[in-house]
Amino acid sequence: MPIVLGKIHALFRYPVKSMAGEETDTAALGWHGIDGDRRFAFRRMNDQSDFPWLSASRLPELLLYKPMNTSPVYVRTPDGRELELRGEELRDEISRRYGSELQLMQLKQGIFDEASISVISLATIRRIEKEAGRPLEIQRFRPNIVIETLSDEPFIEDQWVGQGLVFGKETDAPAVNVMMRDKRCVMINLDPVTAQSDPHVMQSTIRLNQNNAGIYCNVTNTGILAVGQTLSLA
Protein backbone atom coordinates (compact mmCIF):
# COMPACT_ATOMS: atom_id res chain seq x y z
CA MET A 1 0.00 0.00 0.00
CA PRO A 2 1.30 3.50 -0.80
CA ILE A 3 2.34 5.58 2.20
CA VAL A 4 0.28 8.77 2.23
CA LEU A 5 2.38 11.81 3.17
CA GLY A 6 -0.20 14.58 2.90
CA LYS A 7 -1.94 16.57 0.21
CA ILE A 8 -1.30 19.43 -2.20
CA HIS A 9 -1.96 22.73 -0.45
CA ALA A 10 -1.10 25.10 -3.32
CA LEU A 11 0.26 25.16 -6.87
CA PHE A 12 2.33 27.89 -8.51
CA ARG A 13 3.93 28.63 -11.85
CA TYR A 14 6.21 31.45 -12.96
CA PRO A 15 5.81 32.18 -16.69
CA VAL A 16 8.90 34.45 -16.82
CA LYS A 17 11.90 33.48 -14.73
CA SER A 18 12.12 35.60 -11.53
CA MET A 19 9.03 37.64 -12.35
CA ALA A 20 5.87 37.33 -10.23
CA GLY A 21 4.19 33.95 -10.21
CA GLU A 22 0.57 32.91 -10.30
CA GLU A 23 -1.31 30.54 -8.02
CA THR A 24 -3.62 28.01 -9.63
CA ASP A 25 -6.01 25.30 -8.47
CA THR A 26 -4.95 22.87 -11.21
CA ALA A 27 -1.89 22.50 -13.43
CA ALA A 28 -0.82 20.18 -16.21
CA LEU A 29 2.39 18.36 -15.31
CA GLY A 30 4.42 17.62 -18.45
CA TRP A 31 7.83 16.05 -18.98
CA HIS A 32 9.45 19.47 -18.55
CA GLY A 33 7.58 20.53 -15.44
CA ILE A 34 4.34 22.42 -15.05
CA ASP A 35 3.05 23.75 -18.36
CA GLY A 36 3.80 27.46 -18.67
CA ASP A 37 6.40 27.47 -15.90
CA ARG A 38 9.62 29.42 -16.55
CA ARG A 39 9.37 29.18 -20.33
CA PHE A 40 10.71 32.74 -20.73
CA ALA A 41 13.77 34.44 -19.25
CA PHE A 42 15.94 37.47 -19.89
CA ARG A 43 19.50 36.57 -20.89
CA ARG A 44 22.40 38.78 -19.85
CA MET A 45 24.14 39.54 -23.13
CA ASN A 46 27.56 40.11 -21.54
CA ASP A 47 27.51 36.83 -19.59
CA GLN A 48 29.10 33.83 -21.32
CA SER A 49 28.60 31.42 -18.41
CA ASP A 50 26.40 28.32 -18.39
CA PHE A 51 23.74 30.27 -16.50
CA PRO A 52 23.35 33.70 -18.12
CA TRP A 53 19.75 34.27 -17.02
CA LEU A 54 18.73 37.40 -15.16
CA SER A 55 17.25 36.59 -11.77
CA ALA A 56 15.88 38.60 -8.88
CA SER A 57 19.05 37.84 -6.94
CA ARG A 58 20.71 40.33 -9.32
CA LEU A 59 17.69 42.59 -9.89
CA PRO A 60 15.15 42.32 -7.01
CA GLU A 61 12.64 44.61 -8.79
CA LEU A 62 12.11 41.83 -11.34
CA LEU A 63 9.73 40.27 -8.80
CA LEU A 64 7.41 43.27 -9.21
CA TYR A 65 6.75 42.58 -12.89
CA LYS A 66 3.67 40.40 -13.39
CA PRO A 67 3.05 38.31 -16.54
CA MET A 68 -0.62 38.52 -17.46
CA ASN A 69 -1.19 34.77 -18.01
CA THR A 70 0.52 31.42 -18.51
CA SER A 71 1.49 32.18 -22.11
CA PRO A 72 2.09 35.88 -21.52
CA VAL A 73 1.72 38.48 -24.22
CA TYR A 74 1.76 41.40 -21.78
CA VAL A 75 3.53 42.10 -18.50
CA ARG A 76 2.25 44.54 -15.88
CA THR A 77 5.08 46.77 -14.69
CA PRO A 78 5.55 47.96 -11.08
CA ASP A 79 3.93 51.29 -12.00
CA GLY A 80 0.86 49.61 -13.51
CA ARG A 81 1.59 49.83 -17.24
CA GLU A 82 1.00 46.82 -19.48
CA LEU A 83 3.88 46.26 -21.88
CA GLU A 84 4.34 43.58 -24.52
CA LEU A 85 6.55 40.78 -23.22
CA ARG A 86 8.41 40.61 -26.54
CA GLY A 87 8.44 44.37 -27.02
CA GLU A 88 11.49 46.63 -26.98
CA GLU A 89 9.98 48.93 -24.34
CA LEU A 90 9.91 46.23 -21.68
CA ARG A 91 13.35 44.91 -22.60
CA ASP A 92 14.83 48.41 -22.57
CA GLU A 93 13.25 49.21 -19.20
CA ILE A 94 14.55 46.08 -17.50
CA SER A 95 17.96 46.48 -19.17
CA ARG A 96 18.14 50.02 -17.83
CA ARG A 97 17.26 48.86 -14.31
CA TYR A 98 19.84 46.09 -14.50
CA GLY A 99 22.48 48.30 -16.08
CA SER A 100 23.36 46.05 -19.00
CA GLU A 101 21.86 44.75 -22.26
CA LEU A 102 19.33 41.92 -22.04
CA GLN A 103 17.63 39.61 -24.52
CA LEU A 104 14.31 37.80 -24.02
CA MET A 105 14.56 34.07 -24.62
CA GLN A 106 11.92 31.35 -24.83
CA LEU A 107 12.81 27.72 -24.18
CA LYS A 108 10.19 25.03 -24.66
CA GLN A 109 11.88 22.83 -22.04
CA GLY A 110 11.90 25.62 -19.45
CA ILE A 111 14.69 27.54 -17.73
CA PHE A 112 15.35 26.03 -14.31
CA ASP A 113 18.08 26.31 -11.69
CA GLU A 114 18.42 22.59 -10.87
CA ALA A 115 15.28 20.67 -11.84
CA SER A 116 11.86 21.24 -13.36
CA ILE A 117 9.77 20.83 -10.17
CA SER A 118 10.29 22.34 -6.73
CA VAL A 119 8.34 21.11 -3.70
CA ILE A 120 8.18 22.43 -0.15
CA SER A 121 5.98 21.69 2.85
CA LEU A 122 3.98 24.17 4.86
CA ALA A 123 5.65 22.83 7.99
CA THR A 124 9.06 23.81 6.63
CA ILE A 125 7.90 27.32 5.74
CA ARG A 126 6.26 27.81 9.13
CA ARG A 127 9.39 26.67 10.98
CA ILE A 128 11.57 29.14 9.07
CA GLU A 129 8.90 31.78 9.67
CA LYS A 130 9.06 31.14 13.41
CA GLU A 131 12.86 31.27 13.45
CA ALA A 132 12.92 34.49 11.42
CA GLY A 133 10.32 36.06 13.71
CA ARG A 134 8.06 37.37 10.97
CA PRO A 135 5.29 36.15 8.62
CA LEU A 136 6.67 34.78 5.35
CA GLU A 137 4.86 34.73 2.02
CA ILE A 138 4.90 31.30 0.38
CA GLN A 139 5.97 32.73 -2.98
CA ARG A 140 9.29 33.98 -1.58
CA PHE A 141 10.32 30.29 -1.73
CA ARG A 142 9.31 30.11 -5.43
CA PRO A 143 7.73 26.62 -5.13
CA ASN A 144 5.72 24.79 -7.75
CA ILE A 145 4.01 22.50 -5.25
CA VAL A 146 3.31 23.24 -1.59
CA ILE A 147 2.46 20.21 0.53
CA GLU A 148 0.38 20.07 3.69
CA THR A 149 1.96 17.04 5.33
CA LEU A 150 0.27 14.73 7.81
CA SER A 151 3.27 15.30 10.05
CA ASP A 152 4.13 18.74 11.42
CA GLU A 153 7.84 17.90 11.21
CA PRO A 154 9.74 20.64 9.35
CA PHE A 155 12.18 19.68 6.60
CA ILE A 156 10.59 16.24 6.36
CA GLU A 157 11.06 16.58 2.58
CA ASP A 158 14.75 15.79 3.09
CA GLN A 159 13.73 12.20 3.88
CA TRP A 160 12.16 11.81 0.44
CA VAL A 161 15.37 12.32 -1.57
CA GLY A 162 15.93 9.37 -3.91
CA GLN A 163 12.30 8.27 -3.70
CA GLY A 164 9.26 8.66 -5.93
CA LEU A 165 6.20 10.76 -5.12
CA VAL A 166 2.73 10.19 -6.58
CA PHE A 167 -0.02 12.81 -6.72
CA GLY A 168 -3.54 11.40 -6.52
CA LYS A 169 -4.88 7.86 -6.32
CA GLU A 170 -5.34 7.02 -10.00
CA THR A 171 -3.44 4.10 -11.51
CA ASP A 172 -1.64 6.41 -13.94
CA ALA A 173 -1.33 9.38 -11.56
CA PRO A 174 1.26 12.13 -12.12
CA ALA A 175 4.54 11.38 -10.36
CA VAL A 176 8.02 12.76 -9.74
CA ASN A 177 11.36 11.50 -8.50
CA VAL A 178 13.07 13.48 -5.74
CA MET A 179 16.57 14.39 -6.91
CA MET A 180 18.04 16.59 -4.19
CA ARG A 181 17.43 19.03 -1.39
CA ASP A 182 16.85 22.65 -2.39
CA LYS A 183 19.87 24.64 -1.24
CA ARG A 184 18.70 28.22 -1.01
CA CYS A 185 20.12 31.47 -2.36
CA VAL A 186 19.37 35.08 -1.44
CA MET A 187 16.07 34.88 -3.33
CA ILE A 188 14.31 33.73 -0.15
CA ASN A 189 15.31 37.02 1.49
CA LEU A 190 13.23 38.96 -1.04
CA ASP A 191 9.63 39.89 -0.26
CA PRO A 192 7.60 38.99 -3.41
CA VAL A 193 5.28 41.96 -2.83
CA THR A 194 7.84 44.72 -2.16
CA ALA A 195 11.15 43.19 -3.36
CA GLN A 196 12.69 44.34 -0.08
CA SER A 197 15.40 42.09 1.37
CA ASP A 198 15.41 40.57 4.86
CA PRO A 199 18.63 38.59 5.49
CA HIS A 200 17.12 36.99 8.60
CA VAL A 201 15.19 34.55 6.37
CA MET A 202 18.27 32.96 4.82
CA GLN A 203 20.15 33.15 8.11
CA SER A 204 17.30 31.24 9.76
CA THR A 205 17.38 28.58 7.05
CA ILE A 206 21.12 28.16 7.50
CA ARG A 207 20.75 27.72 11.26
CA LEU A 208 17.87 25.29 10.98
CA ASN A 209 18.89 23.05 8.06
CA GLN A 210 22.23 24.03 6.52
CA ASN A 211 20.39 26.40 4.15
CA ASN A 212 18.18 23.64 2.68
CA ALA A 213 14.43 24.14 2.39
CA GLY A 214 12.35 21.96 0.10
CA ILE A 215 13.34 19.54 -2.66
CA TYR A 216 13.97 19.42 -6.41
CA CYS A 217 12.26 16.77 -8.53
CA ASN A 218 12.07 15.54 -12.09
CA VAL A 219 8.93 14.19 -13.73
CA THR A 220 8.41 10.45 -14.07
CA ASN A 221 4.74 10.49 -15.12
CA THR A 222 2.64 13.29 -16.57
CA GLY A 223 -0.91 14.25 -15.64
CA ILE A 224 -3.06 16.85 -13.95
CA LEU A 225 -2.14 18.22 -10.53
CA ALA A 226 -4.86 19.70 -8.32
CA VAL A 227 -5.09 21.31 -4.93
CA GLY A 228 -6.33 18.70 -2.46
CA GLN A 229 -4.73 15.73 -4.24
CA THR A 230 -3.09 13.22 -1.94
CA LEU A 231 0.70 12.86 -1.97
CA SER A 232 2.11 9.37 -1.47
CA LEU A 233 5.47 7.65 -1.61
CA ALA A 234 5.68 5.58 -4.77
C-alpha atoms as a PDB file:
ATOM      1  CA  MET A   1       0.000   0.000   0.000  1.00  0.00           C
ATOM      2  CA  PRO A   2       1.298   3.497  -0.805  1.00  0.00           C
ATOM      3  CA  ILE A   3       2.344   5.578   2.195  1.00  0.00           C
ATOM      4  CA  VAL A   4       0.277   8.772   2.234  1.00  0.00           C
ATOM      5  CA  LEU A   5       2.376  11.806   3.175  1.00  0.00           C
ATOM      6  CA  GLY A   6      -0.204  14.577   2.904  1.00  0.00           C
ATOM      7  CA  LYS A   7      -1.939  16.575   0.208  1.00  0.00           C
ATOM      8  CA  ILE A   8      -1.304  19.432  -2.197  1.00  0.00           C
ATOM      9  CA  HIS A   9      -1.963  22.727  -0.446  1.00  0.00           C
ATOM     10  CA  ALA A  10      -1.104  25.101  -3.316  1.00  0.00           C
ATOM     11  CA  LEU A  11       0.257  25.158  -6.875  1.00  0.00           C
ATOM     12  CA  PHE A  12       2.328  27.894  -8.505  1.00  0.00           C
ATOM     13  CA  ARG A  13       3.928  28.629 -11.854  1.00  0.00           C
ATOM     14  CA  TYR A  14       6.208  31.449 -12.958  1.00  0.00           C
ATOM     15  CA  PRO A  15       5.812  32.182 -16.694  1.00  0.00           C
ATOM     16  CA  VAL A  16       8.903  34.446 -16.820  1.00  0.00           C
ATOM     17  CA  LYS A  17      11.899  33.482 -14.726  1.00  0.00           C
ATOM     18  CA  SER A  18      12.123  35.598 -11.534  1.00  0.00           C
ATOM     19  CA  MET A  19       9.026  37.641 -12.351  1.00  0.00           C
ATOM     20  CA  ALA A  20       5.874  37.332 -10.233  1.00  0.00           C
ATOM     21  CA  GLY A  21       4.192  33.953 -10.207  1.00  0.00           C
ATOM     22  CA  GLU A  22       0.575  32.909 -10.300  1.00  0.00           C
ATOM     23  CA  GLU A  23      -1.311  30.545  -8.023  1.00  0.00           C
ATOM     24  CA  THR A  24      -3.618  28.012  -9.633  1.00  0.00           C
ATOM     25  CA  ASP A  25      -6.010  25.296  -8.465  1.00  0.00           C
ATOM     26  CA  THR A  26      -4.948  22.874 -11.213  1.00  0.00           C
ATOM     27  CA  ALA A  27      -1.893  22.501 -13.428  1.00  0.00           C
ATOM     28  CA  ALA A  28      -0.815  20.179 -16.212  1.00  0.00           C
ATOM     29  CA  LEU A  29       2.394  18.361 -15.312  1.00  0.00           C
ATOM     30  CA  GLY A  30       4.420  17.621 -18.446  1.00  0.00           C
ATOM     31  CA  TRP A  31       7.830  16.050 -18.981  1.00  0.00           C
ATOM     32  CA  HIS A  32       9.449  19.465 -18.550  1.00  0.00           C
ATOM     33  CA  GLY A  33       7.583  20.526 -15.439  1.00  0.00           C
ATOM     34  CA  ILE A  34       4.343  22.416 -15.053  1.00  0.00           C
ATOM     35  CA  ASP A  35       3.048  23.750 -18.356  1.00  0.00           C
ATOM     36  CA  GLY A  36       3.801  27.457 -18.675  1.00  0.00           C
ATOM     37  CA  ASP A  37       6.395  27.469 -15.898  1.00  0.00           C
ATOM     38  CA  ARG A  38       9.622  29.424 -16.550  1.00  0.00           C
ATOM     39  CA  ARG A  39       9.370  29.177 -20.328  1.00  0.00           C
ATOM     40  CA  PHE A  40      10.705  32.739 -20.727  1.00  0.00           C
ATOM     41  CA  ALA A  41      13.772  34.445 -19.251  1.00  0.00           C
ATOM     42  CA  PHE A  42      15.940  37.475 -19.893  1.00  0.00           C
ATOM     43  CA  ARG A  43      19.497  36.571 -20.888  1.00  0.00           C
ATOM     44  CA  ARG A  44      22.396  38.784 -19.846  1.00  0.00           C
ATOM     45  CA  MET A  45      24.142  39.540 -23.126  1.00  0.00           C
ATOM     46  CA  ASN A  46      27.556  40.106 -21.545  1.00  0.00           C
ATOM     47  CA  ASP A  47      27.506  36.835 -19.593  1.00  0.00           C
ATOM     48  CA  GLN A  48      29.096  33.833 -21.318  1.00  0.00           C
ATOM     49  CA  SER A  49      28.595  31.425 -18.407  1.00  0.00           C
ATOM     50  CA  ASP A  50      26.401  28.322 -18.387  1.00  0.00           C
ATOM     51  CA  PHE A  51      23.742  30.273 -16.505  1.00  0.00           C
ATOM     52  CA  PRO A  52      23.347  33.705 -18.120  1.00  0.00           C
ATOM     53  CA  TRP A  53      19.750  34.266 -17.025  1.00  0.00           C
ATOM     54  CA  LEU A  54      18.735  37.398 -15.161  1.00  0.00           C
ATOM     55  CA  SER A  55      17.248  36.589 -11.770  1.00  0.00           C
ATOM     56  CA  ALA A  56      15.877  38.596  -8.877  1.00  0.00           C
ATOM     57  CA  SER A  57      19.046  37.844  -6.936  1.00  0.00           C
ATOM     58  CA  ARG A  58      20.708  40.332  -9.317  1.00  0.00           C
ATOM     59  CA  LEU A  59      17.687  42.593  -9.885  1.00  0.00           C
ATOM     60  CA  PRO A  60      15.154  42.322  -7.014  1.00  0.00           C
ATOM     61  CA  GLU A  61      12.642  44.608  -8.793  1.00  0.00           C
ATOM     62  CA  LEU A  62      12.110  41.832 -11.343  1.00  0.00           C
ATOM     63  CA  LEU A  63       9.725  40.272  -8.803  1.00  0.00           C
ATOM     64  CA  LEU A  64       7.410  43.265  -9.208  1.00  0.00           C
ATOM     65  CA  TYR A  65       6.746  42.579 -12.890  1.00  0.00           C
ATOM     66  CA  LYS A  66       3.671  40.396 -13.387  1.00  0.00           C
ATOM     67  CA  PRO A  67       3.046  38.313 -16.541  1.00  0.00           C
ATOM     68  CA  MET A  68      -0.624  38.518 -17.458  1.00  0.00           C
ATOM     69  CA  ASN A  69      -1.191  34.767 -18.010  1.00  0.00           C
ATOM     70  CA  THR A  70       0.519  31.415 -18.506  1.00  0.00           C
ATOM     71  CA  SER A  71       1.490  32.185 -22.111  1.00  0.00           C
ATOM     72  CA  PRO A  72       2.087  35.882 -21.518  1.00  0.00           C
ATOM     73  CA  VAL A  73       1.723  38.485 -24.223  1.00  0.00           C
ATOM     74  CA  TYR A  74       1.763  41.400 -21.779  1.00  0.00           C
ATOM     75  CA  VAL A  75       3.526  42.098 -18.499  1.00  0.00           C
ATOM     76  CA  ARG A  76       2.247  44.537 -15.877  1.00  0.00           C
ATOM     77  CA  THR A  77       5.080  46.773 -14.691  1.00  0.00           C
ATOM     78  CA  PRO A  78       5.549  47.958 -11.082  1.00  0.00           C
ATOM     79  CA  ASP A  79       3.933  51.287 -12.001  1.00  0.00           C
ATOM     80  CA  GLY A  80       0.858  49.608 -13.514  1.00  0.00           C
ATOM     81  CA  ARG A  81       1.588  49.834 -17.239  1.00  0.00           C
ATOM     82  CA  GLU A  82       0.997  46.816 -19.479  1.00  0.00           C
ATOM     83  CA  LEU A  83       3.877  46.255 -21.878  1.00  0.00           C
ATOM     84  CA  GLU A  84       4.342  43.576 -24.518  1.00  0.00           C
ATOM     85  CA  LEU A  85       6.554  40.782 -23.218  1.00  0.00           C
ATOM     86  CA  ARG A  86       8.407  40.614 -26.542  1.00  0.00           C
ATOM     87  CA  GLY A  87       8.442  44.369 -27.018  1.00  0.00           C
ATOM     88  CA  GLU A  88      11.488  46.633 -26.984  1.00  0.00           C
ATOM     89  CA  GLU A  89       9.980  48.927 -24.344  1.00  0.00           C
ATOM     90  CA  LEU A  90       9.906  46.226 -21.675  1.00  0.00           C
ATOM     91  CA  ARG A  91      13.349  44.905 -22.595  1.00  0.00           C
ATOM     92  CA  ASP A  92      14.831  48.407 -22.575  1.00  0.00           C
ATOM     93  CA  GLU A  93      13.253  49.215 -19.197  1.00  0.00           C
ATOM     94  CA  ILE A  94      14.552  46.080 -17.496  1.00  0.00           C
ATOM     95  CA  SER A  95      17.958  46.480 -19.175  1.00  0.00           C
ATOM     96  CA  ARG A  96      18.137  50.017 -17.826  1.00  0.00           C
ATOM     97  CA  ARG A  97      17.256  48.864 -14.311  1.00  0.00           C
ATOM     98  CA  TYR A  98      19.843  46.094 -14.495  1.00  0.00           C
ATOM     99  CA  GLY A  99      22.480  48.297 -16.081  1.00  0.00           C
ATOM    100  CA  SER A 100      23.359  46.052 -19.003  1.00  0.00           C
ATOM    101  CA  GLU A 101      21.861  44.753 -22.260  1.00  0.00           C
ATOM    102  CA  LEU A 102      19.332  41.916 -22.038  1.00  0.00           C
ATOM    103  CA  GLN A 103      17.628  39.613 -24.517  1.00  0.00           C
ATOM    104  CA  LEU A 104      14.311  37.804 -24.016  1.00  0.00           C
ATOM    105  CA  MET A 105      14.563  34.069 -24.618  1.00  0.00           C
ATOM    106  CA  GLN A 106      11.916  31.355 -24.832  1.00  0.00           C
ATOM    107  CA  LEU A 107      12.812  27.719 -24.183  1.00  0.00           C
ATOM    108  CA  LYS A 108      10.192  25.029 -24.656  1.00  0.00           C
ATOM    109  CA  GLN A 109      11.883  22.834 -22.045  1.00  0.00           C
ATOM    110  CA  GLY A 110      11.902  25.619 -19.454  1.00  0.00           C
ATOM    111  CA  ILE A 111      14.694  27.540 -17.735  1.00  0.00           C
ATOM    112  CA  PHE A 112      15.350  26.034 -14.307  1.00  0.00           C
ATOM    113  CA  ASP A 113      18.077  26.307 -11.685  1.00  0.00           C
ATOM    114  CA  GLU A 114      18.415  22.592 -10.868  1.00  0.00           C
ATOM    115  CA  ALA A 115      15.279  20.669 -11.837  1.00  0.00           C
ATOM    116  CA  SER A 116      11.860  21.242 -13.356  1.00  0.00           C
ATOM    117  CA  ILE A 117       9.774  20.832 -10.169  1.00  0.00           C
ATOM    118  CA  SER A 118      10.285  22.342  -6.727  1.00  0.00           C
ATOM    119  CA  VAL A 119       8.345  21.113  -3.701  1.00  0.00           C
ATOM    120  CA  ILE A 120       8.180  22.431  -0.148  1.00  0.00           C
ATOM    121  CA  SER A 121       5.984  21.688   2.852  1.00  0.00           C
ATOM    122  CA  LEU A 122       3.975  24.166   4.856  1.00  0.00           C
ATOM    123  CA  ALA A 123       5.654  22.828   7.992  1.00  0.00           C
ATOM    124  CA  THR A 124       9.060  23.807   6.625  1.00  0.00           C
ATOM    125  CA  ILE A 125       7.904  27.317   5.738  1.00  0.00           C
ATOM    126  CA  ARG A 126       6.258  27.808   9.133  1.00  0.00           C
ATOM    127  CA  ARG A 127       9.389  26.672  10.979  1.00  0.00           C
ATOM    128  CA  ILE A 128      11.570  29.145   9.074  1.00  0.00           C
ATOM    129  CA  GLU A 129       8.905  31.781   9.667  1.00  0.00           C
ATOM    130  CA  LYS A 130       9.062  31.144  13.414  1.00  0.00           C
ATOM    131  CA  GLU A 131      12.855  31.273  13.452  1.00  0.00           C
ATOM    132  CA  ALA A 132      12.923  34.494  11.424  1.00  0.00           C
ATOM    133  CA  GLY A 133      10.318  36.063  13.710  1.00  0.00           C
ATOM    134  CA  ARG A 134       8.057  37.368  10.972  1.00  0.00           C
ATOM    135  CA  PRO A 135       5.292  36.153   8.618  1.00  0.00           C
ATOM    136  CA  LEU A 136       6.666  34.778   5.351  1.00  0.00           C
ATOM    137  CA  GLU A 137       4.861  34.728   2.020  1.00  0.00           C
ATOM    138  CA  ILE A 138       4.895  31.296   0.379  1.00  0.00           C
ATOM    139  CA  GLN A 139       5.970  32.729  -2.979  1.00  0.00           C
ATOM    140  CA  ARG A 140       9.290  33.983  -1.575  1.00  0.00           C
ATOM    141  CA  PHE A 141      10.316  30.289  -1.733  1.00  0.00           C
ATOM    142  CA  ARG A 142       9.307  30.109  -5.433  1.00  0.00           C
ATOM    143  CA  PRO A 143       7.731  26.618  -5.135  1.00  0.00           C
ATOM    144  CA  ASN A 144       5.722  24.789  -7.749  1.00  0.00           C
ATOM    145  CA  ILE A 145       4.008  22.500  -5.252  1.00  0.00           C
ATOM    146  CA  VAL A 146       3.311  23.238  -1.593  1.00  0.00           C
ATOM    147  CA  ILE A 147       2.461  20.206   0.533  1.00  0.00           C
ATOM    148  CA  GLU A 148       0.381  20.068   3.695  1.00  0.00           C
ATOM    149  CA  THR A 149       1.964  17.042   5.333  1.00  0.00           C
ATOM    150  CA  LEU A 150       0.274  14.734   7.812  1.00  0.00           C
ATOM    151  CA  SER A 151       3.272  15.305  10.051  1.00  0.00           C
ATOM    152  CA  ASP A 152       4.128  18.741  11.418  1.00  0.00           C
ATOM    153  CA  GLU A 153       7.842  17.904  11.208  1.00  0.00           C
ATOM    154  CA  PRO A 154       9.735  20.644   9.350  1.00  0.00           C
ATOM    155  CA  PHE A 155      12.181  19.676   6.604  1.00  0.00           C
ATOM    156  CA  ILE A 156      10.590  16.242   6.362  1.00  0.00           C
ATOM    157  CA  GLU A 157      11.056  16.578   2.585  1.00  0.00           C
ATOM    158  CA  ASP A 158      14.751  15.787   3.093  1.00  0.00           C
ATOM    159  CA  GLN A 159      13.733  12.202   3.879  1.00  0.00           C
ATOM    160  CA  TRP A 160      12.157  11.811   0.437  1.00  0.00           C
ATOM    161  CA  VAL A 161      15.373  12.319  -1.566  1.00  0.00           C
ATOM    162  CA  GLY A 162      15.926   9.372  -3.912  1.00  0.00           C
ATOM    163  CA  GLN A 163      12.299   8.270  -3.704  1.00  0.00           C
ATOM    164  CA  GLY A 164       9.260   8.660  -5.928  1.00  0.00           C
ATOM    165  CA  LEU A 165       6.199  10.760  -5.124  1.00  0.00           C
ATOM    166  CA  VAL A 166       2.726  10.193  -6.579  1.00  0.00           C
ATOM    167  CA  PHE A 167      -0.024  12.812  -6.724  1.00  0.00           C
ATOM    168  CA  GLY A 168      -3.538  11.399  -6.521  1.00  0.00           C
ATOM    169  CA  LYS A 169      -4.879   7.857  -6.318  1.00  0.00           C
ATOM    170  CA  GLU A 170      -5.337   7.016 -10.003  1.00  0.00           C
ATOM    171  CA  THR A 171      -3.436   4.100 -11.512  1.00  0.00           C
ATOM    172  CA  ASP A 172      -1.642   6.412 -13.937  1.00  0.00           C
ATOM    173  CA  ALA A 173      -1.327   9.381 -11.561  1.00  0.00           C
ATOM    174  CA  PRO A 174       1.260  12.128 -12.121  1.00  0.00           C
ATOM    175  CA  ALA A 175       4.537  11.376 -10.364  1.00  0.00           C
ATOM    176  CA  VAL A 176       8.025  12.760  -9.743  1.00  0.00           C
ATOM    177  CA  ASN A 177      11.365  11.500  -8.504  1.00  0.00           C
ATOM    178  CA  VAL A 178      13.065  13.481  -5.739  1.00  0.00           C
ATOM    179  CA  MET A 179      16.566  14.395  -6.910  1.00  0.00           C
ATOM    180  CA  MET A 180      18.040  16.587  -4.186  1.00  0.00           C
ATOM    181  CA  ARG A 181      17.433  19.027  -1.388  1.00  0.00           C
ATOM    182  CA  ASP A 182      16.845  22.648  -2.388  1.00  0.00           C
ATOM    183  CA  LYS A 183      19.874  24.642  -1.239  1.00  0.00           C
ATOM    184  CA  ARG A 184      18.697  28.221  -1.008  1.00  0.00           C
ATOM    185  CA  CYS A 185      20.122  31.467  -2.363  1.00  0.00           C
ATOM    186  CA  VAL A 186      19.373  35.078  -1.437  1.00  0.00           C
ATOM    187  CA  MET A 187      16.065  34.881  -3.327  1.00  0.00           C
ATOM    188  CA  ILE A 188      14.309  33.733  -0.145  1.00  0.00           C
ATOM    189  CA  ASN A 189      15.309  37.023   1.493  1.00  0.00           C
ATOM    190  CA  LEU A 190      13.231  38.962  -1.044  1.00  0.00           C
ATOM    191  CA  ASP A 191       9.628  39.887  -0.261  1.00  0.00           C
ATOM    192  CA  PRO A 192       7.596  38.987  -3.408  1.00  0.00           C
ATOM    193  CA  VAL A 193       5.281  41.963  -2.827  1.00  0.00           C
ATOM    194  CA  THR A 194       7.844  44.716  -2.165  1.00  0.00           C
ATOM    195  CA  ALA A 195      11.152  43.188  -3.361  1.00  0.00           C
ATOM    196  CA  GLN A 196      12.686  44.344  -0.075  1.00  0.00           C
ATOM    197  CA  SER A 197      15.396  42.091   1.370  1.00  0.00           C
ATOM    198  CA  ASP A 198      15.409  40.573   4.861  1.00  0.00           C
ATOM    199  CA  PRO A 199      18.629  38.591   5.487  1.00  0.00           C
ATOM    200  CA  HIS A 200      17.116  36.988   8.598  1.00  0.00           C
ATOM    201  CA  VAL A 201      15.194  34.549   6.371  1.00  0.00           C
ATOM    202  CA  MET A 202      18.271  32.957   4.816  1.00  0.00           C
ATOM    203  CA  GLN A 203      20.154  33.148   8.110  1.00  0.00           C
ATOM    204  CA  SER A 204      17.299  31.239   9.761  1.00  0.00           C
ATOM    205  CA  THR A 205      17.375  28.580   7.046  1.00  0.00           C
ATOM    206  CA  ILE A 206      21.124  28.162   7.503  1.00  0.00           C
ATOM    207  CA  ARG A 207      20.749  27.725  11.256  1.00  0.00           C
ATOM    208  CA  LEU A 208      17.871  25.291  10.976  1.00  0.00           C
ATOM    209  CA  ASN A 209      18.887  23.055   8.062  1.00  0.00           C
ATOM    210  CA  GLN A 210      22.231  24.032   6.524  1.00  0.00           C
ATOM    211  CA  ASN A 211      20.386  26.396   4.151  1.00  0.00           C
ATOM    212  CA  ASN A 212      18.182  23.640   2.677  1.00  0.00           C
ATOM    213  CA  ALA A 213      14.430  24.142   2.387  1.00  0.00           C
ATOM    214  CA  GLY A 214      12.349  21.958   0.104  1.00  0.00           C
ATOM    215  CA  ILE A 215      13.337  19.545  -2.664  1.00  0.00           C
ATOM    216  CA  TYR A 216      13.971  19.421  -6.411  1.00  0.00           C
ATOM    217  CA  CYS A 217      12.257  16.771  -8.533  1.00  0.00           C
ATOM    218  CA  ASN A 218      12.072  15.539 -12.093  1.00  0.00           C
ATOM    219  CA  VAL A 219       8.925  14.191 -13.729  1.00  0.00           C
ATOM    220  CA  THR A 220       8.406  10.447 -14.074  1.00  0.00           C
ATOM    221  CA  ASN A 221       4.740  10.491 -15.119  1.00  0.00           C
ATOM    222  CA  THR A 222       2.641  13.286 -16.566  1.00  0.00           C
ATOM    223  CA  GLY A 223      -0.911  14.248 -15.641  1.00  0.00           C
ATOM    224  CA  ILE A 224      -3.060  16.851 -13.947  1.00  0.00           C
ATOM    225  CA  LEU A 225      -2.138  18.224 -10.531  1.00  0.00           C
ATOM    226  CA  ALA A 226      -4.858  19.698  -8.322  1.00  0.00           C
ATOM    227  CA  VAL A 227      -5.091  21.305  -4.926  1.00  0.00           C
ATOM    228  CA  GLY A 228      -6.332  18.700  -2.457  1.00  0.00           C
ATOM    229  CA  GLN A 229      -4.733  15.732  -4.235  1.00  0.00           C
ATOM    230  CA  THR A 230      -3.088  13.219  -1.941  1.00  0.00           C
ATOM    231  CA  LEU A 231       0.695  12.858  -1.969  1.00  0.00           C
ATOM    232  CA  SER A 232       2.108   9.374  -1.469  1.00  0.00           C
ATOM    233  CA  LEU A 233       5.474   7.651  -1.611  1.00  0.00           C
ATOM    234  CA  ALA A 234       5.678   5.579  -4.767  1.00  0.00           C
END
